[in-house]
């Protein structure tokens, strides 16, 4: 299942990935930290550029990290390592990185201030970060709520799922980063659709592999009706290039203050 999820997420976010690579602007000698690396696509992208540096991917999922290691080995990338851990508390080398990147991996910290401080200590003075995060939920309703509603789920999104939008407010994020030693904080809007499959059947197969969808279908009063609504939603979002749902994200960039004391 981890392999299937890895393929789905990488395809889903392919258009977003282009923007993150450009914003990260990895250098050939950079030491890069990839937070919430998942199956390691962004980690491998960075390693392919930082040929005289190295890249560390960190994630909480052992399944995804196993896929990440397999794919890095297959690509014969010798400048990559992966560690399992929560970046909020994970021990990282002080000033050990020139750049911290993340593709939708920094929104789920229980204590963002502590997490940003921990990551800040790991970035050298003058180092950078380039993170992609979702904008507020109101700008992502098309994908975040439409599928739930097609399945007959009208209650507010659960707290864990709502955390995906926790860094959607630039003012809040700017304050959190500023107090942990970052400066030159900037937000660039990315308005690209998420991709669910090349056709309706493929998108339906992908979605019904997720626990949320399987559970909702199992608990629906009329499962066939819920499935028809879901198929109808996907058909409504079918284009010549596949099934797409509108989304909006931010790319957050910042620099570690050059005179910042490492605590």
Protein backbone atom coordinates (compact mmCIF):
# COMPACT_ATOMS: atom_id res chain seq x y z
CA UNK A 1 0.00 0.00 0.00
CA UNK A 2 2.84 2.42 0.80
CA UNK A 3 4.13 2.09 -2.76
CA UNK A 4 0.69 2.87 -4.18
CA UNK A 5 0.28 5.85 -1.88
CA UNK A 6 3.72 7.11 -2.85
CA UNK A 7 2.85 6.96 -6.54
CA UNK A 8 -0.50 8.64 -5.92
CA UNK A 9 0.95 11.53 -3.91
CA UNK A 10 3.78 12.15 -6.35
CA UNK A 11 1.36 12.24 -9.27
CA UNK A 12 -1.18 14.30 -7.33
CA UNK A 13 1.37 17.02 -6.60
CA UNK A 14 3.44 16.91 -9.78
CA UNK A 15 2.54 20.45 -10.83
CA UNK A 16 3.24 21.78 -7.35
CA UNK A 17 6.62 20.10 -7.32
CA UNK A 18 7.85 22.22 -10.22
CA UNK A 19 7.27 25.40 -8.19
CA UNK A 20 8.95 24.01 -5.09
CA UNK A 21 12.07 22.99 -7.02
CA UNK A 22 12.35 26.48 -8.46
CA UNK A 23 11.91 28.16 -5.08
CA UNK A 24 14.38 25.83 -3.33
CA UNK A 25 17.09 26.60 -5.89
CA UNK A 26 19.32 23.87 -4.50
CA UNK A 27 23.04 24.46 -4.91
CA UNK A 28 25.58 21.84 -5.93
CA UNK A 29 27.26 21.89 -2.51
CA UNK A 30 24.17 22.40 -0.38
CA UNK A 31 23.43 20.37 2.72
CA UNK A 32 19.66 19.95 2.54
CA UNK A 33 17.08 18.86 5.11
CA UNK A 34 13.76 17.59 3.69
CA UNK A 35 11.01 17.63 6.34
CA UNK A 36 8.10 15.23 5.89
CA UNK A 37 9.85 13.69 2.93
CA UNK A 38 7.39 10.81 2.48
CA UNK A 39 8.57 8.52 -0.29
CA UNK A 40 11.44 10.84 -1.04
CA UNK A 41 10.66 12.45 -4.39
CA UNK A 42 11.67 15.91 -3.18
CA UNK A 43 14.69 14.42 -1.41
CA UNK A 44 15.87 12.76 -4.62
CA UNK A 45 15.23 15.92 -6.63
CA UNK A 46 17.48 17.85 -4.25
CA UNK A 47 20.16 15.14 -4.24
CA UNK A 48 20.35 15.16 -8.02
CA UNK A 49 21.40 18.81 -7.84
CA UNK A 50 23.46 18.79 -4.63
CA UNK A 51 25.95 16.34 -6.09
CA UNK A 52 28.77 17.67 -3.88
CA UNK A 53 26.55 18.10 -0.84
CA UNK A 54 24.06 15.77 0.82
CA UNK A 55 20.35 15.51 1.60
CA UNK A 56 18.64 14.12 4.70
CA UNK A 57 14.97 13.20 4.47
CA UNK A 58 12.99 12.87 7.70
CA UNK A 59 9.47 11.49 8.11
CA UNK A 60 7.33 9.77 10.74
CA UNK A 61 6.19 6.94 8.42
CA UNK A 62 8.42 3.87 8.38
CA UNK A 63 6.51 2.51 5.37
CA UNK A 64 7.09 5.61 3.28
CA UNK A 65 10.74 5.77 4.32
CA UNK A 66 11.27 2.20 3.17
CA UNK A 67 9.94 3.19 -0.25
CA UNK A 68 12.15 6.29 -0.18
CA UNK A 69 15.26 4.22 0.51
CA UNK A 70 14.42 1.74 -2.24
CA UNK A 71 13.95 4.50 -4.78
CA UNK A 72 17.12 6.34 -3.77
CA UNK A 73 19.08 3.10 -4.05
CA UNK A 74 17.55 2.41 -7.46
CA UNK A 75 18.59 5.90 -8.58
CA UNK A 76 22.10 5.21 -7.21
CA UNK A 77 22.11 8.36 -5.12
CA UNK A 78 24.97 8.11 -2.66
CA UNK A 79 24.42 11.55 -1.12
CA UNK A 80 21.03 10.75 0.48
CA UNK A 81 20.03 9.45 3.90
CA UNK A 82 16.64 8.97 5.56
CA UNK A 83 15.70 9.02 9.23
CA UNK A 84 12.42 8.26 10.95
CA UNK A 85 11.36 10.92 13.40
CA UNK A 86 9.21 13.91 14.25
CA UNK A 87 11.07 17.03 13.15
CA UNK A 88 9.53 18.87 16.10
CA UNK A 89 11.78 17.01 18.52
CA UNK A 90 14.16 14.98 16.34
CA UNK A 91 17.84 15.54 17.14
CA UNK A 92 19.46 17.34 14.22
CA UNK A 93 23.03 18.63 13.90
CA UNK A 94 23.33 22.27 14.96
CA UNK A 95 23.84 24.51 11.93
CA UNK A 96 24.16 21.32 9.91
CA UNK A 97 22.14 22.42 6.87
CA UNK A 98 22.23 25.19 4.30
CA UNK A 99 18.63 24.65 3.20
CA UNK A 100 15.44 23.17 4.63
CA UNK A 101 12.74 22.11 2.18
CA UNK A 102 9.30 20.60 2.66
CA UNK A 103 6.41 19.67 0.39
CA UNK A 104 3.32 19.83 2.60
CA UNK A 105 5.21 18.30 5.51
CA UNK A 106 5.40 21.07 8.12
CA UNK A 107 1.70 21.72 8.89
CA UNK A 108 1.09 18.90 11.34
CA UNK A 109 3.29 19.83 14.31
CA UNK A 110 1.52 19.80 17.68
CA UNK A 111 3.73 22.73 18.72
CA UNK A 112 4.78 24.76 15.64
CA UNK A 113 6.88 27.17 17.70
CA UNK A 114 8.95 24.32 19.12
CA UNK A 115 9.23 22.70 15.70
CA UNK A 116 10.35 25.87 13.97
CA UNK A 117 12.89 26.51 16.73
CA UNK A 118 14.28 22.97 16.36
CA UNK A 119 14.53 23.33 12.59
CA UNK A 120 16.04 26.79 12.99
CA UNK A 121 18.84 25.41 15.12
CA UNK A 122 19.61 22.92 12.37
CA UNK A 123 19.96 25.62 9.69
CA UNK A 124 23.22 27.54 9.62
CA UNK A 125 23.11 31.34 10.05
CA UNK A 126 22.34 32.73 6.61
CA UNK A 127 20.78 29.44 5.52
CA UNK A 128 17.36 29.23 3.88
CA UNK A 129 14.06 27.44 3.96
CA UNK A 130 11.58 26.78 1.16
CA UNK A 131 8.34 25.16 2.28
CA UNK A 132 5.14 24.45 0.40
CA UNK A 133 1.99 24.58 2.54
CA UNK A 134 -1.71 24.70 1.81
CA UNK A 135 -3.52 27.99 1.96
CA UNK A 136 -6.59 28.21 4.21
CA UNK A 137 -9.28 25.58 3.79
CA UNK A 138 -11.70 28.08 2.23
CA UNK A 139 -9.38 28.22 -0.78
CA UNK A 140 -9.14 24.42 -1.00
CA UNK A 141 -12.78 23.44 -0.61
CA UNK A 142 -12.90 21.89 -4.06
CA UNK A 143 -10.69 18.98 -3.05
CA UNK A 144 -10.83 19.06 0.76
CA UNK A 145 -14.61 18.94 1.21
CA UNK A 146 -16.20 17.96 -2.12
CA UNK A 147 -15.21 14.30 -1.85
CA UNK A 148 -16.39 14.10 1.75
CA UNK A 149 -19.73 15.58 0.81
CA UNK A 150 -20.13 13.22 -2.13
CA UNK A 151 -19.76 10.41 0.41
CA UNK A 152 -22.43 11.97 2.62
CA UNK A 153 -19.98 13.40 5.19
CA UNK A 154 -21.16 16.88 6.14
CA UNK A 155 -19.65 17.23 9.61
CA UNK A 156 -16.67 19.56 10.04
CA UNK A 157 -13.37 18.11 8.86
CA UNK A 158 -11.70 16.18 11.71
CA UNK A 159 -9.00 18.01 13.64
CA UNK A 160 -6.20 15.89 12.18
CA UNK A 161 -7.31 16.61 8.61
CA UNK A 162 -7.90 20.30 9.33
CA UNK A 163 -4.27 20.57 10.46
CA UNK A 164 -3.31 20.47 6.77
CA UNK A 165 -4.40 24.12 6.61
CA UNK A 166 -2.77 25.24 9.86
CA UNK A 167 -0.13 27.35 8.09
CA UNK A 168 -2.51 29.00 5.67
CA UNK A 169 -2.42 32.44 7.31
CA UNK A 170 0.73 34.36 6.28
CA UNK A 171 0.57 36.72 9.26
CA UNK A 172 0.57 33.86 11.76
CA UNK A 173 3.36 31.98 10.01
CA UNK A 174 5.45 35.14 9.70
CA UNK A 175 5.17 35.72 13.44
CA UNK A 176 6.04 32.11 14.25
CA UNK A 177 9.11 32.14 12.00
CA UNK A 178 10.25 35.57 13.13
CA UNK A 179 10.36 34.66 16.81
CA UNK A 180 12.45 31.59 16.00
CA UNK A 181 15.15 33.53 14.19
CA UNK A 182 14.05 33.76 10.56
CA UNK A 183 13.98 36.89 8.43
CA UNK A 184 13.16 37.90 4.82
CA UNK A 185 9.98 35.82 5.09
CA UNK A 186 7.98 35.73 1.88
CA UNK A 187 4.89 33.98 0.51
CA UNK A 188 4.40 33.14 -3.15
CA UNK A 189 1.01 31.85 -4.26
CA UNK A 190 0.83 28.60 -6.17
CA UNK A 191 -2.49 27.96 -7.85
CA UNK A 192 -2.19 24.56 -9.44
CA UNK A 193 -4.73 21.72 -9.49
CA UNK A 194 -4.23 18.43 -7.71
CA UNK A 195 -4.28 15.40 -10.02
CA UNK A 196 -6.35 12.35 -9.09
CA UNK A 197 -5.90 10.17 -12.15
CA UNK A 198 -5.76 10.06 -15.96
CA UNK A 199 -9.43 9.03 -16.13
CA UNK A 200 -12.46 8.59 -13.89
CA UNK A 201 -11.93 4.85 -13.29
CA UNK A 202 -8.31 5.37 -12.25
CA UNK A 203 -9.26 8.24 -9.94
CA UNK A 204 -12.05 6.17 -8.41
CA UNK A 205 -9.69 3.24 -7.81
CA UNK A 206 -7.19 5.56 -6.14
CA UNK A 207 -9.74 7.21 -3.87
CA UNK A 208 -11.39 3.98 -2.79
CA UNK A 209 -8.00 2.73 -1.60
CA UNK A 210 -8.05 5.39 1.14
CA UNK A 211 -9.36 4.43 4.56
CA UNK A 212 -11.60 7.52 4.80
CA UNK A 213 -13.40 6.63 1.59
CA UNK A 214 -13.66 2.91 2.34
CA UNK A 215 -15.07 3.61 5.80
CA UNK A 216 -17.57 6.16 4.50
CA UNK A 217 -18.79 3.77 1.83
CA UNK A 218 -19.10 0.93 4.35
CA UNK A 219 -21.15 3.11 6.69
CA UNK A 220 -23.32 4.76 4.03
CA UNK A 221 -27.05 4.00 4.16
CA UNK A 222 -26.95 3.31 0.42
CA UNK A 223 -23.33 2.58 -0.58
CA UNK A 224 -24.18 2.35 -4.28
CA UNK A 225 -25.70 5.82 -4.20
CA UNK A 226 -22.59 7.23 -2.48
CA UNK A 227 -20.40 5.58 -5.10
CA UNK A 228 -22.50 7.08 -7.88
CA UNK A 229 -22.16 10.53 -6.34
CA UNK A 230 -18.41 10.07 -6.07
CA UNK A 231 -18.15 8.96 -9.68
CA UNK A 232 -20.30 11.90 -10.75
CA UNK A 233 -18.00 14.30 -8.91
CA UNK A 234 -14.95 12.86 -10.65
CA UNK A 235 -16.68 13.02 -14.02
CA UNK A 236 -17.41 16.71 -13.40
CA UNK A 237 -13.69 17.30 -12.89
CA UNK A 238 -12.49 15.28 -15.86
CA UNK A 239 -10.43 17.21 -18.41
CA UNK A 240 -8.53 16.16 -21.50
CA UNK A 241 -5.48 15.69 -19.26
CA UNK A 242 -7.14 13.79 -16.43
CA UNK A 243 -9.15 14.39 -13.26
CA UNK A 244 -8.15 17.64 -11.54
CA UNK A 245 -9.38 19.58 -8.52
CA UNK A 246 -8.52 23.22 -7.96
CA UNK A 247 -6.17 24.02 -5.07
CA UNK A 248 -4.14 26.89 -3.68
CA UNK A 249 -0.88 26.73 -1.80
CA UNK A 250 1.87 28.99 -0.53
CA UNK A 251 5.58 28.65 -1.01
CA UNK A 252 7.12 30.08 2.14
CA UNK A 253 10.71 31.22 1.87
CA UNK A 254 12.89 32.69 4.60
CA UNK A 255 16.50 33.08 5.70
CA UNK A 256 18.05 32.22 9.02
CA UNK A 257 19.32 35.49 10.48
CA UNK A 258 23.06 35.67 9.84
CA UNK A 259 23.78 36.86 13.38
CA UNK A 260 21.50 34.26 14.98
CA UNK A 261 23.03 32.53 17.97
CA UNK A 262 22.62 28.75 17.87
CA UNK A 263 21.08 27.63 21.17
